[in-house]
Amino acid sequence: MPQLDTSTWLVTILSMILTLLIVFQLKISKFNYPLNPVMKDINKHLYTNPWDTKWTKIYLPLSLPQQS
């Protein structure tokens, strides 16, 4: 049974890693980042629902007290 020739594995693995790094760098460099990011106001409500003004609680079966 012939032996497996592993002499070229190091070169193959290193060239694959180098190629992956180059491809990732090229993909990242093509991404357009915003120059001046603006904060969003998350507290602003543009619409009102009838249930927004009421306090409601949903009781789950597991949150009810134990009954013996």
C-alpha atoms as a PDB file:
ATOM      1  CA  MET A   1       0.000   0.000   0.000  1.00  0.00           C
ATOM      2  CA  PRO A   2       1.538   3.339  -1.070  1.00  0.00           C
ATOM      3  CA  GLN A   3       2.134   6.052   1.464  1.00  0.00           C
ATOM      4  CA  LEU A   4       0.294   9.357   1.306  1.00  0.00           C
ATOM      5  CA  ASP A   5       2.554  12.175   0.165  1.00  0.00           C
ATOM      6  CA  THR A   6       2.091  15.009   2.679  1.00  0.00           C
ATOM      7  CA  SER A   7       5.005  17.159   1.588  1.00  0.00           C
ATOM      8  CA  THR A   8       2.815  19.709  -0.222  1.00  0.00           C
ATOM      9  CA  TRP A   9       0.150  20.029   2.474  1.00  0.00           C
ATOM     10  CA  LEU A  10       1.858  22.890   4.272  1.00  0.00           C
ATOM     11  CA  VAL A  11       2.104  24.987   1.117  1.00  0.00           C
ATOM     12  CA  THR A  12      -1.483  24.170   0.200  1.00  0.00           C
ATOM     13  CA  ILE A  13      -2.879  25.097   3.614  1.00  0.00           C
ATOM     14  CA  LEU A  14      -0.850  28.311   3.865  1.00  0.00           C
ATOM     15  CA  SER A  15      -1.852  29.429   0.377  1.00  0.00           C
ATOM     16  CA  MET A  16      -5.502  28.682   1.160  1.00  0.00           C
ATOM     17  CA  ILE A  17      -5.369  30.775   4.344  1.00  0.00           C
ATOM     18  CA  LEU A  18      -3.648  33.623   2.512  1.00  0.00           C
ATOM     19  CA  THR A  19      -6.254  33.510  -0.246  1.00  0.00           C
ATOM     20  CA  LEU A  20      -9.092  33.580   2.288  1.00  0.00           C
ATOM     21  CA  LEU A  21      -7.571  36.583   4.044  1.00  0.00           C
ATOM     22  CA  ILE A  22      -7.214  38.452   0.757  1.00  0.00           C
ATOM     23  CA  VAL A  23     -10.791  37.680  -0.254  1.00  0.00           C
ATOM     24  CA  PHE A  24     -12.143  38.853   3.117  1.00  0.00           C
ATOM     25  CA  GLN A  25     -10.093  42.038   2.944  1.00  0.00           C
ATOM     26  CA  LEU A  26     -11.437  42.775  -0.522  1.00  0.00           C
ATOM     27  CA  LYS A  27     -15.010  42.166   0.583  1.00  0.00           C
ATOM     28  CA  ILE A  28     -14.639  44.385   3.648  1.00  0.00           C
ATOM     29  CA  SER A  29     -12.953  47.169   1.697  1.00  0.00           C
ATOM     30  CA  LYS A  30     -15.914  47.373  -0.714  1.00  0.00           C
ATOM     31  CA  PHE A  31     -18.389  47.938   2.112  1.00  0.00           C
ATOM     32  CA  ASN A  32     -19.603  51.541   2.406  1.00  0.00           C
ATOM     33  CA  TYR A  33     -19.634  52.797   5.967  1.00  0.00           C
ATOM     34  CA  PRO A  34     -21.763  55.862   6.797  1.00  0.00           C
ATOM     35  CA  LEU A  35     -19.627  58.948   7.310  1.00  0.00           C
ATOM     36  CA  ASN A  36     -21.724  60.621  10.015  1.00  0.00           C
ATOM     37  CA  PRO A  37     -23.964  58.171  11.836  1.00  0.00           C
ATOM     38  CA  VAL A  38     -27.064  59.735  13.354  1.00  0.00           C
ATOM     39  CA  MET A  39     -28.722  58.534  16.546  1.00  0.00           C
ATOM     40  CA  LYS A  40     -32.289  57.345  16.201  1.00  0.00           C
ATOM     41  CA  ASP A  41     -34.872  58.559  18.648  1.00  0.00           C
ATOM     42  CA  ILE A  42     -36.362  55.312  19.898  1.00  0.00           C
ATOM     43  CA  ASN A  43     -38.783  56.928  22.352  1.00  0.00           C
ATOM     44  CA  LYS A  44     -40.879  58.635  19.714  1.00  0.00           C
ATOM     45  CA  HIS A  45     -44.347  57.136  19.139  1.00  0.00           C
ATOM     46  CA  LEU A  46     -45.876  57.994  15.814  1.00  0.00           C
ATOM     47  CA  TYR A  47     -49.119  56.152  16.476  1.00  0.00           C
ATOM     48  CA  THR A  48     -51.289  55.415  19.473  1.00  0.00           C
ATOM     49  CA  ASN A  49     -53.046  52.203  20.264  1.00  0.00           C
ATOM     50  CA  PRO A  50     -55.919  51.838  22.713  1.00  0.00           C
ATOM     51  CA  TRP A  51     -53.897  49.420  24.812  1.00  0.00           C
ATOM     52  CA  ASP A  52     -50.950  51.822  25.146  1.00  0.00           C
ATOM     53  CA  THR A  53     -52.665  53.780  27.906  1.00  0.00           C
ATOM     54  CA  LYS A  54     -53.760  50.755  29.929  1.00  0.00           C
ATOM     55  CA  TRP A  55     -51.690  48.536  32.159  1.00  0.00           C
ATOM     56  CA  THR A  56     -52.184  44.916  31.202  1.00  0.00           C
ATOM     57  CA  LYS A  57     -50.605  41.745  32.438  1.00  0.00           C
ATOM     58  CA  ILE A  58     -50.758  38.317  30.872  1.00  0.00           C
ATOM     59  CA  TYR A  59     -50.919  35.505  33.387  1.00  0.00           C
ATOM     60  CA  LEU A  60     -49.188  32.383  32.265  1.00  0.00           C
ATOM     61  CA  PRO A  61     -50.153  29.043  33.777  1.00  0.00           C
ATOM     62  CA  LEU A  62     -46.662  28.641  35.226  1.00  0.00           C
ATOM     63  CA  SER A  63     -46.746  32.058  36.886  1.00  0.00           C
ATOM     64  CA  LEU A  64     -49.893  31.319  38.863  1.00  0.00           C
ATOM     65  CA  PRO A  65     -49.520  30.197  42.495  1.00  0.00           C
ATOM     66  CA  GLN A  66     -49.255  26.495  43.150  1.00  0.00           C
ATOM     67  CA  GLN A  67     -52.540  24.808  44.042  1.00  0.00           C
ATOM     68  CA  SER A  68     -52.434  21.742  46.261  1.00  0.00           C
END
